[in-house]
C-alpha cells in the first residue's frame, strides 16, 4: 500500500490532468441541468418496482451493481431475487484469497507505522527480516490459519496453492518496505527532516471513515463501502483493493460508483480513483499494481448504465440464461449446474 502514496506524490495528477477534471459534468450532487438530473436518477418505474411490501426501497450497493464476474448477471438475480447465497461453491478460492490479500496489504501500513520513524536501518538484509517477521505474525493468526486451510481445500490449479500465495504476499511486503526506504532517502535529501509519506497523505481504511451513505437521488442502498479513501484536502481520492486473474474494466466502474455516492452525500468533488490490484494467477512472481485515473464522465455514465441494467434484471420473472463455459470458481456454480456438481 505504500506505493499508493509514492505515485500520488510524484505524479501530481491534480495539476497534470486539470483539463480532464474540469470536463466532468456528472456529479453525484448535481441538481441541474435537467438532462444531468435525469441521467443520475433511477427511473420512476424501476424505483417503484424496487419497493417492498411496506413501501421501503430495496436499493443495491455499488459492489452489487458492478461486480460482473457472471457476464449476464445471473448471480445478481439468484442472490437478490431468489435469496440464494451460494451452494457448495460459496466458499471459493477467489473469495478466500481476496479476503486474505486485503487484510495482509492493509496490515502492512499499520505494521510499519512505527518503523517509519526510524527507517535509517532499512538495508537489504533488514528488509528481508522484517518482511519475514510480518508474514509469520500474519499467518500465525488463528483466523488466517483457517483461511489458509480453505485455500488448500478450494484450490483447483497449481497457481492456487497456499504456499504460492504466501510467497507472493511476502514479496509484496519486501517491495512496500523498499518504498519506505526510498521515501526516507528522498526526504532526507530534500530537507533533512523525515516525515513519513503516509502521514502526509491521509489514507483511511477504518470502516467508519470510509462508509458512504449516498443520497436517495442515485437509487442506491443506504450504505456502500470502498476499501479506502485518501482525504487529501482539497482533493478526495476513492480507492479499492481488487484481486483476481486479471485487471478488469469494471474495477474502474466500481470506483466511479463510489465517487458518485460520496459526492451525493458530502457535496464534494471526487476526481481521482485508485485501484490497488493484486494478480493472483500470474505465472511470474510480481507485485501489486496501483492504477490511478480520472473518474471522468465516461466511467460515471457506464456505472449508471450498469445500475439501470441491474435493476431491470431484478424485475424479470425468470433469471438470465445460463452462461456457456461458466467459471467453476463462481459461488453459484452448484446452483446453476446441480447435476454436474452432484
C-alpha atoms as a PDB file:
ATOM      1  CA  UNK A   1       0.000   0.000   0.000  1.00  0.00           C
ATOM      2  CA  UNK A   2       2.973   2.354   0.421  1.00  0.00           C
ATOM      3  CA  UNK A   3       3.354   2.727  -3.339  1.00  0.00           C
ATOM      4  CA  UNK A   4      -0.037   4.454  -3.472  1.00  0.00           C
ATOM      5  CA  UNK A   5       1.360   7.462  -1.647  1.00  0.00           C
ATOM      6  CA  UNK A   6       4.566   7.423  -3.691  1.00  0.00           C
ATOM      7  CA  UNK A   7       2.765   7.522  -7.025  1.00  0.00           C
ATOM      8  CA  UNK A   8       0.231  10.091  -5.875  1.00  0.00           C
ATOM      9  CA  UNK A   9       3.005  12.440  -4.716  1.00  0.00           C
ATOM     10  CA  UNK A  10       5.339  12.037  -7.690  1.00  0.00           C
ATOM     11  CA  UNK A  11       2.718  12.328 -10.416  1.00  0.00           C
ATOM     12  CA  UNK A  12       0.933  15.429  -9.089  1.00  0.00           C
ATOM     13  CA  UNK A  13      -2.156  14.400 -11.037  1.00  0.00           C
ATOM     14  CA  UNK A  14      -4.441  17.281  -9.966  1.00  0.00           C
ATOM     15  CA  UNK A  15      -2.202  19.706 -11.883  1.00  0.00           C
ATOM     16  CA  UNK A  16      -1.344  17.375 -14.757  1.00  0.00           C
ATOM     17  CA  UNK A  17      -4.945  16.371 -15.503  1.00  0.00           C
ATOM     18  CA  UNK A  18      -6.769  19.587 -14.642  1.00  0.00           C
ATOM     19  CA  UNK A  19      -8.456  19.847 -18.061  1.00  0.00           C
ATOM     20  CA  UNK A  20      -9.868  16.332 -17.720  1.00  0.00           C
ATOM     21  CA  UNK A  21     -11.212  17.149 -14.278  1.00  0.00           C
ATOM     22  CA  UNK A  22     -12.879  20.368 -15.419  1.00  0.00           C
ATOM     23  CA  UNK A  23     -14.742  18.471 -18.162  1.00  0.00           C
ATOM     24  CA  UNK A  24     -16.644  16.305 -15.631  1.00  0.00           C
ATOM     25  CA  UNK A  25     -20.362  17.154 -15.661  1.00  0.00           C
ATOM     26  CA  UNK A  26     -21.952  14.188 -13.869  1.00  0.00           C
ATOM     27  CA  UNK A  27     -21.600  14.852 -10.155  1.00  0.00           C
ATOM     28  CA  UNK A  28     -23.471  12.907  -7.508  1.00  0.00           C
ATOM     29  CA  UNK A  29     -24.805  16.160  -6.054  1.00  0.00           C
ATOM     30  CA  UNK A  30     -25.883  17.695  -9.400  1.00  0.00           C
ATOM     31  CA  UNK A  31     -29.247  19.478  -9.396  1.00  0.00           C
ATOM     32  CA  UNK A  32     -29.138  20.864 -12.940  1.00  0.00           C
ATOM     33  CA  UNK A  33     -29.424  20.892 -15.875  1.00  0.00           C
ATOM     34  CA  UNK A  34     -32.423  18.599 -16.212  1.00  0.00           C
ATOM     35  CA  UNK A  35     -30.697  16.151 -18.568  1.00  0.00           C
ATOM     36  CA  UNK A  36     -27.956  15.598 -15.976  1.00  0.00           C
ATOM     37  CA  UNK A  37     -30.548  15.052 -13.276  1.00  0.00           C
ATOM     38  CA  UNK A  38     -32.359  12.517 -15.443  1.00  0.00           C
ATOM     39  CA  UNK A  39     -29.106  10.678 -16.040  1.00  0.00           C
ATOM     40  CA  UNK A  40     -28.350  10.434 -12.322  1.00  0.00           C
ATOM     41  CA  UNK A  41     -31.807   9.409 -11.149  1.00  0.00           C
ATOM     42  CA  UNK A  42     -33.063   5.864 -11.167  1.00  0.00           C
ATOM     43  CA  UNK A  43     -36.165   5.915 -13.380  1.00  0.00           C
ATOM     44  CA  UNK A  44     -39.509   6.135 -11.606  1.00  0.00           C
ATOM     45  CA  UNK A  45     -40.675   2.741 -12.860  1.00  0.00           C
ATOM     46  CA  UNK A  46     -37.539   0.935 -11.680  1.00  0.00           C
ATOM     47  CA  UNK A  47     -37.696   2.729  -8.330  1.00  0.00           C
ATOM     48  CA  UNK A  48     -41.362   1.816  -7.829  1.00  0.00           C
ATOM     49  CA  UNK A  49     -40.711  -1.812  -8.786  1.00  0.00           C
ATOM     50  CA  UNK A  50     -37.975  -1.999  -6.132  1.00  0.00           C
ATOM     51  CA  UNK A  51     -40.227  -1.155  -3.181  1.00  0.00           C
ATOM     52  CA  UNK A  52     -41.005  -3.898  -0.671  1.00  0.00           C
ATOM     53  CA  UNK A  53     -44.460  -4.628   0.775  1.00  0.00           C
ATOM     54  CA  UNK A  54     -44.048  -1.835   3.319  1.00  0.00           C
ATOM     55  CA  UNK A  55     -43.049   0.723   0.713  1.00  0.00           C
ATOM     56  CA  UNK A  56     -39.341   0.693   1.592  1.00  0.00           C
ATOM     57  CA  UNK A  57     -36.844   0.964  -1.258  1.00  0.00           C
ATOM     58  CA  UNK A  58     -34.636  -2.109  -1.664  1.00  0.00           C
ATOM     59  CA  UNK A  59     -31.522  -0.476  -3.037  1.00  0.00           C
ATOM     60  CA  UNK A  60     -28.391  -2.097  -4.438  1.00  0.00           C
ATOM     61  CA  UNK A  61     -24.887  -1.322  -3.271  1.00  0.00           C
ATOM     62  CA  UNK A  62     -22.174  -0.136  -5.641  1.00  0.00           C
ATOM     63  CA  UNK A  63     -20.431  -3.504  -5.272  1.00  0.00           C
ATOM     64  CA  UNK A  64     -23.544  -5.483  -6.181  1.00  0.00           C
ATOM     65  CA  UNK A  65     -24.080  -3.363  -9.286  1.00  0.00           C
ATOM     66  CA  UNK A  66     -20.571  -3.566 -10.726  1.00  0.00           C
ATOM     67  CA  UNK A  67     -19.231  -6.997  -9.726  1.00  0.00           C
ATOM     68  CA  UNK A  68     -19.561  -8.609 -13.151  1.00  0.00           C
ATOM     69  CA  UNK A  69     -17.996 -11.993 -12.514  1.00  0.00           C
ATOM     70  CA  UNK A  70     -21.051 -13.518 -14.185  1.00  0.00           C
ATOM     71  CA  UNK A  71     -21.359 -11.862 -17.660  1.00  0.00           C
ATOM     72  CA  UNK A  72     -25.174 -11.789 -17.782  1.00  0.00           C
ATOM     73  CA  UNK A  73     -25.649 -11.118 -14.021  1.00  0.00           C
ATOM     74  CA  UNK A  74     -27.434 -14.377 -13.280  1.00  0.00           C
ATOM     75  CA  UNK A  75     -25.578 -14.342  -9.957  1.00  0.00           C
ATOM     76  CA  UNK A  76     -27.170 -10.994  -9.062  1.00  0.00           C
ATOM     77  CA  UNK A  77     -30.645 -12.355  -9.805  1.00  0.00           C
ATOM     78  CA  UNK A  78     -30.117 -15.529  -7.775  1.00  0.00           C
ATOM     79  CA  UNK A  79     -28.892 -13.585  -4.754  1.00  0.00           C
ATOM     80  CA  UNK A  80     -31.217 -10.576  -4.737  1.00  0.00           C
ATOM     81  CA  UNK A  81     -34.377 -12.114  -6.223  1.00  0.00           C
ATOM     82  CA  UNK A  82     -34.156 -15.746  -5.154  1.00  0.00           C
ATOM     83  CA  UNK A  83     -32.250 -15.202  -1.905  1.00  0.00           C
ATOM     84  CA  UNK A  84     -29.541 -17.753  -2.757  1.00  0.00           C
ATOM     85  CA  UNK A  85     -26.199 -17.049  -1.120  1.00  0.00           C
ATOM     86  CA  UNK A  86     -24.290 -19.733  -2.972  1.00  0.00           C
ATOM     87  CA  UNK A  87     -24.327 -23.508  -2.906  1.00  0.00           C
ATOM     88  CA  UNK A  88     -21.405 -25.770  -2.158  1.00  0.00           C
ATOM     89  CA  UNK A  89     -19.237 -23.410  -4.163  1.00  0.00           C
ATOM     90  CA  UNK A  90     -19.942 -20.430  -1.912  1.00  0.00           C
ATOM     91  CA  UNK A  91     -16.511 -20.631  -0.307  1.00  0.00           C
ATOM     92  CA  UNK A  92     -14.447 -20.190  -3.458  1.00  0.00           C
ATOM     93  CA  UNK A  93     -10.684 -19.868  -3.740  1.00  0.00           C
ATOM     94  CA  UNK A  94     -11.025 -16.343  -5.098  1.00  0.00           C
ATOM     95  CA  UNK A  95     -13.188 -15.135  -2.218  1.00  0.00           C
ATOM     96  CA  UNK A  96     -10.861 -16.599   0.404  1.00  0.00           C
ATOM     97  CA  UNK A  97      -7.709 -15.330  -1.317  1.00  0.00           C
ATOM     98  CA  UNK A  98      -9.201 -11.872  -1.825  1.00  0.00           C
ATOM     99  CA  UNK A  99     -10.055 -11.594   1.873  1.00  0.00           C
ATOM    100  CA  UNK A 100      -6.547 -12.612   2.920  1.00  0.00           C
ATOM    101  CA  UNK A 101      -4.805 -10.322   0.432  1.00  0.00           C
ATOM    102  CA  UNK A 102      -6.865  -7.335   1.540  1.00  0.00           C
ATOM    103  CA  UNK A 103      -6.135  -7.993   5.226  1.00  0.00           C
ATOM    104  CA  UNK A 104      -2.442  -8.566   4.541  1.00  0.00           C
ATOM    105  CA  UNK A 105      -1.925  -5.421   2.457  1.00  0.00           C
ATOM    106  CA  UNK A 106      -3.865  -3.150   4.792  1.00  0.00           C
ATOM    107  CA  UNK A 107      -1.927  -4.537   7.723  1.00  0.00           C
ATOM    108  CA  UNK A 108       1.390  -3.577   6.138  1.00  0.00           C
ATOM    109  CA  UNK A 109       0.842   0.120   6.756  1.00  0.00           C
ATOM    110  CA  UNK A 110      -0.165  -0.418  10.362  1.00  0.00           C
ATOM    111  CA  UNK A 111       2.715  -2.821  10.992  1.00  0.00           C
ATOM    112  CA  UNK A 112       5.312  -0.446   9.538  1.00  0.00           C
ATOM    113  CA  UNK A 113       3.900   2.733  11.067  1.00  0.00           C
ATOM    114  CA  UNK A 114       6.320   2.647  13.986  1.00  0.00           C
ATOM    115  CA  UNK A 115       9.198   1.683  11.711  1.00  0.00           C
ATOM    116  CA  UNK A 116       8.628   4.816   9.626  1.00  0.00           C
ATOM    117  CA  UNK A 117      10.014   6.910  12.497  1.00  0.00           C
ATOM    118  CA  UNK A 118      13.349   5.061  12.438  1.00  0.00           C
ATOM    119  CA  UNK A 119      13.828   3.861   8.842  1.00  0.00           C
ATOM    120  CA  UNK A 120      17.570   4.518   8.556  1.00  0.00           C
ATOM    121  CA  UNK A 121      18.357   0.830   9.105  1.00  0.00           C
ATOM    122  CA  UNK A 122      16.392  -0.365   6.077  1.00  0.00           C
ATOM    123  CA  UNK A 123      19.175  -2.144   4.250  1.00  0.00           C
ATOM    124  CA  UNK A 124      18.509  -5.269   2.172  1.00  0.00           C
ATOM    125  CA  UNK A 125      19.001  -7.771   4.992  1.00  0.00           C
ATOM    126  CA  UNK A 126      16.801  -5.764   7.360  1.00  0.00           C
ATOM    127  CA  UNK A 127      14.008  -5.628   4.769  1.00  0.00           C
ATOM    128  CA  UNK A 128      14.237  -9.400   4.281  1.00  0.00           C
ATOM    129  CA  UNK A 129      13.958  -9.978   8.021  1.00  0.00           C
ATOM    130  CA  UNK A 130      11.095  -7.559   8.590  1.00  0.00           C
ATOM    131  CA  UNK A 131       9.064  -8.980   5.712  1.00  0.00           C
ATOM    132  CA  UNK A 132       9.556 -12.471   7.084  1.00  0.00           C
ATOM    133  CA  UNK A 133       8.553 -11.382  10.593  1.00  0.00           C
ATOM    134  CA  UNK A 134       5.392  -9.659   9.393  1.00  0.00           C
ATOM    135  CA  UNK A 135       4.367 -12.640   7.284  1.00  0.00           C
ATOM    136  CA  UNK A 136       4.976 -15.066  10.114  1.00  0.00           C
ATOM    137  CA  UNK A 137       2.894 -12.985  12.522  1.00  0.00           C
ATOM    138  CA  UNK A 138       0.105 -12.664   9.968  1.00  0.00           C
ATOM    139  CA  UNK A 139      -0.160 -16.378   9.187  1.00  0.00           C
ATOM    140  CA  UNK A 140       0.071 -17.375  12.854  1.00  0.00           C
ATOM    141  CA  UNK A 141      -3.257 -15.621  13.499  1.00  0.00           C
ATOM    142  CA  UNK A 142      -5.955 -18.216  14.131  1.00  0.00           C
ATOM    143  CA  UNK A 143      -8.484 -16.876  11.621  1.00  0.00           C
ATOM    144  CA  UNK A 144      -5.817 -16.627   8.924  1.00  0.00           C
ATOM    145  CA  UNK A 145      -4.724 -20.215   9.570  1.00  0.00           C
ATOM    146  CA  UNK A 146      -8.311 -21.290   8.997  1.00  0.00           C
ATOM    147  CA  UNK A 147      -8.490 -19.352   5.732  1.00  0.00           C
ATOM    148  CA  UNK A 148      -5.210 -20.895   4.629  1.00  0.00           C
ATOM    149  CA  UNK A 149      -6.762 -24.325   5.065  1.00  0.00           C
ATOM    150  CA  UNK A 150      -9.762 -23.217   2.998  1.00  0.00           C
ATOM    151  CA  UNK A 151      -7.371 -22.153   0.235  1.00  0.00           C
ATOM    152  CA  UNK A 152      -5.942 -25.658   0.170  1.00  0.00           C
ATOM    153  CA  UNK A 153      -9.404 -27.217   0.021  1.00  0.00           C
ATOM    154  CA  UNK A 154     -10.673 -24.993  -2.798  1.00  0.00           C
ATOM    155  CA  UNK A 155      -7.514 -24.936  -4.953  1.00  0.00           C
ATOM    156  CA  UNK A 156      -8.060 -26.301  -8.464  1.00  0.00           C
ATOM    157  CA  UNK A 157      -4.788 -25.495 -10.256  1.00  0.00           C
ATOM    158  CA  UNK A 158      -1.090 -25.185  -9.266  1.00  0.00           C
ATOM    159  CA  UNK A 159      -1.312 -21.368  -9.169  1.00  0.00           C
ATOM    160  CA  UNK A 160      -3.766 -21.688  -6.266  1.00  0.00           C
ATOM    161  CA  UNK A 161      -1.564 -23.491  -3.766  1.00  0.00           C
ATOM    162  CA  UNK A 162      -1.434 -21.666  -0.401  1.00  0.00           C
ATOM    163  CA  UNK A 163       2.367 -21.732  -0.403  1.00  0.00           C
ATOM    164  CA  UNK A 164       2.458 -19.746  -3.627  1.00  0.00           C
ATOM    165  CA  UNK A 165       0.109 -17.056  -2.317  1.00  0.00           C
ATOM    166  CA  UNK A 166       2.131 -16.779   0.896  1.00  0.00           C
ATOM    167  CA  UNK A 167       5.283 -16.256  -1.161  1.00  0.00           C
ATOM    168  CA  UNK A 168       3.636 -13.626  -3.385  1.00  0.00           C
ATOM    169  CA  UNK A 169       2.448 -11.669  -0.367  1.00  0.00           C
ATOM    170  CA  UNK A 170       5.848 -11.836   1.278  1.00  0.00           C
ATOM    171  CA  UNK A 171       7.390 -10.408  -1.895  1.00  0.00           C
ATOM    172  CA  UNK A 172       4.859  -7.588  -1.701  1.00  0.00           C
ATOM    173  CA  UNK A 173       5.915  -6.856   1.882  1.00  0.00           C
ATOM    174  CA  UNK A 174       9.551  -6.558   0.752  1.00  0.00           C
ATOM    175  CA  UNK A 175       8.551  -4.192  -2.037  1.00  0.00           C
ATOM    176  CA  UNK A 176       6.479  -1.968   0.252  1.00  0.00           C
ATOM    177  CA  UNK A 177       9.335  -1.802   2.758  1.00  0.00           C
ATOM    178  CA  UNK A 178      11.722  -0.834  -0.027  1.00  0.00           C
ATOM    179  CA  UNK A 179       9.374   2.014  -0.993  1.00  0.00           C
ATOM    180  CA  UNK A 180       9.500   3.193   2.622  1.00  0.00           C
ATOM    181  CA  UNK A 181      13.307   3.224   2.443  1.00  0.00           C
ATOM    182  CA  UNK A 182      13.239   5.195  -0.820  1.00  0.00           C
ATOM    183  CA  UNK A 183      10.838   7.694   0.711  1.00  0.00           C
ATOM    184  CA  UNK A 184      13.255   8.169   3.608  1.00  0.00           C
ATOM    185  CA  UNK A 185      16.213   8.703   1.280  1.00  0.00           C
ATOM    186  CA  UNK A 186      14.425  11.270  -0.895  1.00  0.00           C
ATOM    187  CA  UNK A 187      13.014  13.146   2.098  1.00  0.00           C
ATOM    188  CA  UNK A 188      16.422  13.375   3.747  1.00  0.00           C
ATOM    189  CA  UNK A 189      17.988  14.747   0.597  1.00  0.00           C
ATOM    190  CA  UNK A 190      15.269  17.373   0.248  1.00  0.00           C
ATOM    191  CA  UNK A 191      15.024  18.992   3.668  1.00  0.00           C
ATOM    192  CA  UNK A 192      16.910  16.904   6.185  1.00  0.00           C
ATOM    193  CA  UNK A 193      13.762  16.102   8.162  1.00  0.00           C
ATOM    194  CA  UNK A 194      11.838  12.909   7.521  1.00  0.00           C
ATOM    195  CA  UNK A 195       8.050  12.950   7.687  1.00  0.00           C
ATOM    196  CA  UNK A 196       6.732   9.536   6.583  1.00  0.00           C
ATOM    197  CA  UNK A 197       4.856   9.768   3.310  1.00  0.00           C
ATOM    198  CA  UNK A 198       1.768   8.017   4.631  1.00  0.00           C
ATOM    199  CA  UNK A 199       1.459  10.669   7.338  1.00  0.00           C
ATOM    200  CA  UNK A 200       1.448  13.365   4.664  1.00  0.00           C
ATOM    201  CA  UNK A 201      -1.188  11.517   2.627  1.00  0.00           C
ATOM    202  CA  UNK A 202      -4.063  10.518   4.931  1.00  0.00           C
ATOM    203  CA  UNK A 203      -5.230   7.127   3.672  1.00  0.00           C
ATOM    204  CA  UNK A 204      -8.240   6.000   5.702  1.00  0.00           C
ATOM    205  CA  UNK A 205      -9.152   2.313   5.984  1.00  0.00           C
ATOM    206  CA  UNK A 206     -11.372   2.195   9.052  1.00  0.00           C
ATOM    207  CA  UNK A 207     -14.938   1.294   8.204  1.00  0.00           C
ATOM    208  CA  UNK A 208     -16.493   4.294   9.909  1.00  0.00           C
ATOM    209  CA  UNK A 209     -14.347   6.727   7.926  1.00  0.00           C
ATOM    210  CA  UNK A 210     -14.961   5.114   4.521  1.00  0.00           C
ATOM    211  CA  UNK A 211     -18.650   4.228   4.875  1.00  0.00           C
ATOM    212  CA  UNK A 212     -20.762   6.204   2.410  1.00  0.00           C
ATOM    213  CA  UNK A 213     -24.469   6.941   2.788  1.00  0.00           C
ATOM    214  CA  UNK A 214     -25.460   8.133  -0.689  1.00  0.00           C
ATOM    215  CA  UNK A 215     -28.320  10.482  -1.377  1.00  0.00           C
ATOM    216  CA  UNK A 216     -31.618   8.975  -2.470  1.00  0.00           C
ATOM    217  CA  UNK A 217     -31.278  10.590  -5.896  1.00  0.00           C
ATOM    218  CA  UNK A 218     -28.941   7.809  -7.069  1.00  0.00           C
ATOM    219  CA  UNK A 219     -31.242   4.917  -6.197  1.00  0.00           C
ATOM    220  CA  UNK A 220     -28.606   3.009  -4.211  1.00  0.00           C
ATOM    221  CA  UNK A 221     -28.653   1.151  -0.899  1.00  0.00           C
ATOM    222  CA  UNK A 222     -28.424   3.136   2.332  1.00  0.00           C
ATOM    223  CA  UNK A 223     -24.704   2.422   2.729  1.00  0.00           C
ATOM    224  CA  UNK A 224     -21.853   1.354   0.491  1.00  0.00           C
ATOM    225  CA  UNK A 225     -18.210   0.950   1.459  1.00  0.00           C
ATOM    226  CA  UNK A 226     -14.973   1.310  -0.559  1.00  0.00           C
ATOM    227  CA  UNK A 227     -11.776  -0.189   0.824  1.00  0.00           C
ATOM    228  CA  UNK A 228     -10.027   3.140   1.428  1.00  0.00           C
ATOM    229  CA  UNK A 229     -10.299   6.884   0.852  1.00  0.00           C
ATOM    230  CA  UNK A 230      -7.482   9.422   0.649  1.00  0.00           C
ATOM    231  CA  UNK A 231      -8.762  12.560   2.371  1.00  0.00           C
ATOM    232  CA  UNK A 232      -6.112  14.866   0.921  1.00  0.00           C
ATOM    233  CA  UNK A 233      -7.762  18.297   1.073  1.00  0.00           C
ATOM    234  CA  UNK A 234      -8.960  19.753  -1.152  1.00  0.00           C
ATOM    235  CA  UNK A 235      -8.846  16.502  -3.131  1.00  0.00           C
ATOM    236  CA  UNK A 236     -10.720  13.334  -2.156  1.00  0.00           C
ATOM    237  CA  UNK A 237      -9.411  10.152  -3.799  1.00  0.00           C
ATOM    238  CA  UNK A 238     -11.520   6.996  -3.903  1.00  0.00           C
ATOM    239  CA  UNK A 239      -9.745   3.647  -3.598  1.00  0.00           C
ATOM    240  CA  UNK A 240     -10.453  -0.061  -3.765  1.00  0.00           C
ATOM    241  CA  UNK A 241      -8.384  -3.222  -3.395  1.00  0.00           C
ATOM    242  CA  UNK A 242      -9.060  -5.818  -6.085  1.00  0.00           C
ATOM    243  CA  UNK A 243      -7.715  -9.304  -6.670  1.00  0.00           C
ATOM    244  CA  UNK A 244      -8.094 -11.829  -9.443  1.00  0.00           C
ATOM    245  CA  UNK A 245      -6.734 -13.336 -12.615  1.00  0.00           C
ATOM    246  CA  UNK A 246      -6.579 -10.001 -14.446  1.00  0.00           C
ATOM    247  CA  UNK A 247      -7.386  -6.332 -14.046  1.00  0.00           C
ATOM    248  CA  UNK A 248     -10.961  -5.783 -15.233  1.00  0.00           C
ATOM    249  CA  UNK A 249     -12.697  -2.728 -16.677  1.00  0.00           C
ATOM    250  CA  UNK A 250     -15.493  -2.993 -14.136  1.00  0.00           C
ATOM    251  CA  UNK A 251     -12.970  -2.278 -11.376  1.00  0.00           C
ATOM    252  CA  UNK A 252     -12.926   1.302 -12.693  1.00  0.00           C
ATOM    253  CA  UNK A 253     -16.726   1.430 -12.825  1.00  0.00           C
ATOM    254  CA  UNK A 254     -16.851   0.445  -9.158  1.00  0.00           C
ATOM    255  CA  UNK A 255     -14.713   3.448  -8.250  1.00  0.00           C
ATOM    256  CA  UNK A 256     -16.989   5.687 -10.357  1.00  0.00           C
ATOM    257  CA  UNK A 257     -19.979   4.440  -8.377  1.00  0.00           C
ATOM    258  CA  UNK A 258     -18.250   5.175  -5.081  1.00  0.00           C
ATOM    259  CA  UNK A 259     -17.350   8.666  -6.323  1.00  0.00           C
ATOM    260  CA  UNK A 260     -20.954   9.473  -7.276  1.00  0.00           C
ATOM    261  CA  UNK A 261     -22.183   8.109  -3.936  1.00  0.00           C
ATOM    262  CA  UNK A 262     -19.623  10.144  -1.954  1.00  0.00           C
ATOM    263  CA  UNK A 263     -20.429  13.318  -3.898  1.00  0.00           C
ATOM    264  CA  UNK A 264     -24.155  12.864  -3.301  1.00  0.00           C
ATOM    265  CA  UNK A 265     -23.594  12.669   0.462  1.00  0.00           C
ATOM    266  CA  UNK A 266     -20.796  15.182   1.073  1.00  0.00           C
ATOM    267  CA  UNK A 267     -21.299  17.595  -1.870  1.00  0.00           C
ATOM    268  CA  UNK A 268     -17.539  17.405  -2.551  1.00  0.00           C
ATOM    269  CA  UNK A 269     -15.907  16.535  -5.856  1.00  0.00           C
ATOM    270  CA  UNK A 270     -14.139  13.203  -6.223  1.00  0.00           C
ATOM    271  CA  UNK A 271     -11.968  13.443  -9.322  1.00  0.00           C
ATOM    272  CA  UNK A 272      -9.476  10.612  -8.991  1.00  0.00           C
ATOM    273  CA  UNK A 273      -9.610   6.934  -8.248  1.00  0.00           C
ATOM    274  CA  UNK A 274      -7.060   4.283  -7.324  1.00  0.00           C
ATOM    275  CA  UNK A 275      -7.337   0.524  -7.759  1.00  0.00           C
ATOM    276  CA  UNK A 276      -4.717  -1.452  -5.856  1.00  0.00           C
ATOM    277  CA  UNK A 277      -4.756  -4.673  -7.860  1.00  0.00           C
ATOM    278  CA  UNK A 278      -3.154  -7.931  -6.777  1.00  0.00           C
ATOM    279  CA  UNK A 279      -2.913 -10.507  -9.568  1.00  0.00           C
ATOM    280  CA  UNK A 280      -3.360 -13.963  -8.056  1.00  0.00           C
ATOM    281  CA  UNK A 281      -2.690 -16.243 -11.032  1.00  0.00           C
ATOM    282  CA  UNK A 282       0.322 -14.707 -12.742  1.00  0.00           C
ATOM    283  CA  UNK A 283       2.893 -17.252 -13.926  1.00  0.00           C
ATOM    284  CA  UNK A 284       5.714 -14.946 -12.809  1.00  0.00           C
ATOM    285  CA  UNK A 285       6.365 -13.515  -9.395  1.00  0.00           C
ATOM    286  CA  UNK A 286       5.370  -9.853  -9.361  1.00  0.00           C
ATOM    287  CA  UNK A 287       3.980  -7.131  -7.152  1.00  0.00           C
ATOM    288  CA  UNK A 288       0.642  -5.434  -6.633  1.00  0.00           C
ATOM    289  CA  UNK A 289      -0.200  -2.737  -9.171  1.00  0.00           C
ATOM    290  CA  UNK A 290      -1.596   0.738  -8.464  1.00  0.00           C
ATOM    291  CA  UNK A 291      -3.912   2.072 -11.183  1.00  0.00           C
ATOM    292  CA  UNK A 292      -4.569   5.817 -10.777  1.00  0.00           C
ATOM    293  CA  UNK A 293      -7.081   7.519 -13.088  1.00  0.00           C
ATOM    294  CA  UNK A 294      -9.551  10.367 -13.586  1.00  0.00           C
ATOM    295  CA  UNK A 295     -13.136   9.404 -12.760  1.00  0.00           C
ATOM    296  CA  UNK A 296     -14.441  11.016 -15.943  1.00  0.00           C
ATOM    297  CA  UNK A 297     -17.947  11.174 -17.381  1.00  0.00           C
ATOM    298  CA  UNK A 298     -17.389   8.037 -19.455  1.00  0.00           C
ATOM    299  CA  UNK A 299     -16.845   5.931 -16.324  1.00  0.00           C
ATOM    300  CA  UNK A 300     -19.696   7.662 -14.496  1.00  0.00           C
ATOM    301  CA  UNK A 301     -22.145   7.037 -17.352  1.00  0.00           C
ATOM    302  CA  UNK A 302     -21.029   3.422 -17.527  1.00  0.00           C
ATOM    303  CA  UNK A 303     -21.750   2.934 -13.842  1.00  0.00           C
ATOM    304  CA  UNK A 304     -25.206   4.486 -14.201  1.00  0.00           C
ATOM    305  CA  UNK A 305     -25.914   2.191 -17.173  1.00  0.00           C
ATOM    306  CA  UNK A 306     -24.869  -0.806 -15.064  1.00  0.00           C
ATOM    307  CA  UNK A 307     -27.110   0.388 -12.238  1.00  0.00           C
ATOM    308  CA  UNK A 308     -30.144   0.602 -14.526  1.00  0.00           C
ATOM    309  CA  UNK A 309     -29.341  -2.786 -16.076  1.00  0.00           C
ATOM    310  CA  UNK A 310     -29.085  -4.416 -12.630  1.00  0.00           C
ATOM    311  CA  UNK A 311     -32.484  -3.104 -11.538  1.00  0.00           C
ATOM    312  CA  UNK A 312     -34.089  -4.178 -14.837  1.00  0.00           C
ATOM    313  CA  UNK A 313     -32.705  -7.704 -14.408  1.00  0.00           C
ATOM    314  CA  UNK A 314     -34.292  -7.947 -10.973  1.00  0.00           C
ATOM    315  CA  UNK A 315     -37.727  -7.058 -12.396  1.00  0.00           C
ATOM    316  CA  UNK A 316     -37.753 -10.109 -14.701  1.00  0.00           C
ATOM    317  CA  UNK A 317     -39.869 -13.147 -13.873  1.00  0.00           C
ATOM    318  CA  UNK A 318     -37.046 -15.553 -14.703  1.00  0.00           C
ATOM    319  CA  UNK A 319     -33.281 -15.369 -14.172  1.00  0.00           C
ATOM    320  CA  UNK A 320     -30.903 -14.660 -17.058  1.00  0.00           C
ATOM    321  CA  UNK A 321     -29.898 -17.692 -19.109  1.00  0.00           C
ATOM    322  CA  UNK A 322     -27.026 -19.957 -18.164  1.00  0.00           C
ATOM    323  CA  UNK A 323     -23.570 -18.941 -19.339  1.00  0.00           C
ATOM    324  CA  UNK A 324     -21.552 -21.194 -21.621  1.00  0.00           C
ATOM    325  CA  UNK A 325     -18.254 -22.278 -20.080  1.00  0.00           C
ATOM    326  CA  UNK A 326     -19.226 -20.919 -16.679  1.00  0.00           C
ATOM    327  CA  UNK A 327     -16.282 -20.422 -14.333  1.00  0.00           C
ATOM    328  CA  UNK A 328     -16.310 -23.256 -11.796  1.00  0.00           C
ATOM    329  CA  UNK A 329     -14.981 -20.821  -9.209  1.00  0.00           C
ATOM    330  CA  UNK A 330     -18.320 -18.979  -9.259  1.00  0.00           C
ATOM    331  CA  UNK A 331     -20.088 -19.367  -5.922  1.00  0.00           C
ATOM    332  CA  UNK A 332     -23.339 -20.114  -7.774  1.00  0.00           C
ATOM    333  CA  UNK A 333     -21.910 -22.849  -9.987  1.00  0.00           C
ATOM    334  CA  UNK A 334     -23.706 -25.537  -7.990  1.00  0.00           C
ATOM    335  CA  UNK A 335     -26.961 -23.536  -8.140  1.00  0.00           C
ATOM    336  CA  UNK A 336     -26.758 -23.252 -11.916  1.00  0.00           C
ATOM    337  CA  UNK A 337     -25.399 -26.741 -12.654  1.00  0.00           C
ATOM    338  CA  UNK A 338     -26.579 -29.025  -9.814  1.00  0.00           C
ATOM    339  CA  UNK A 339     -26.274 -32.233 -11.864  1.00  0.00           C
ATOM    340  CA  UNK A 340     -22.624 -31.546 -12.723  1.00  0.00           C
ATOM    341  CA  UNK A 341     -21.740 -30.900  -9.090  1.00  0.00           C
ATOM    342  CA  UNK A 342     -23.550 -33.874  -7.556  1.00  0.00           C
END
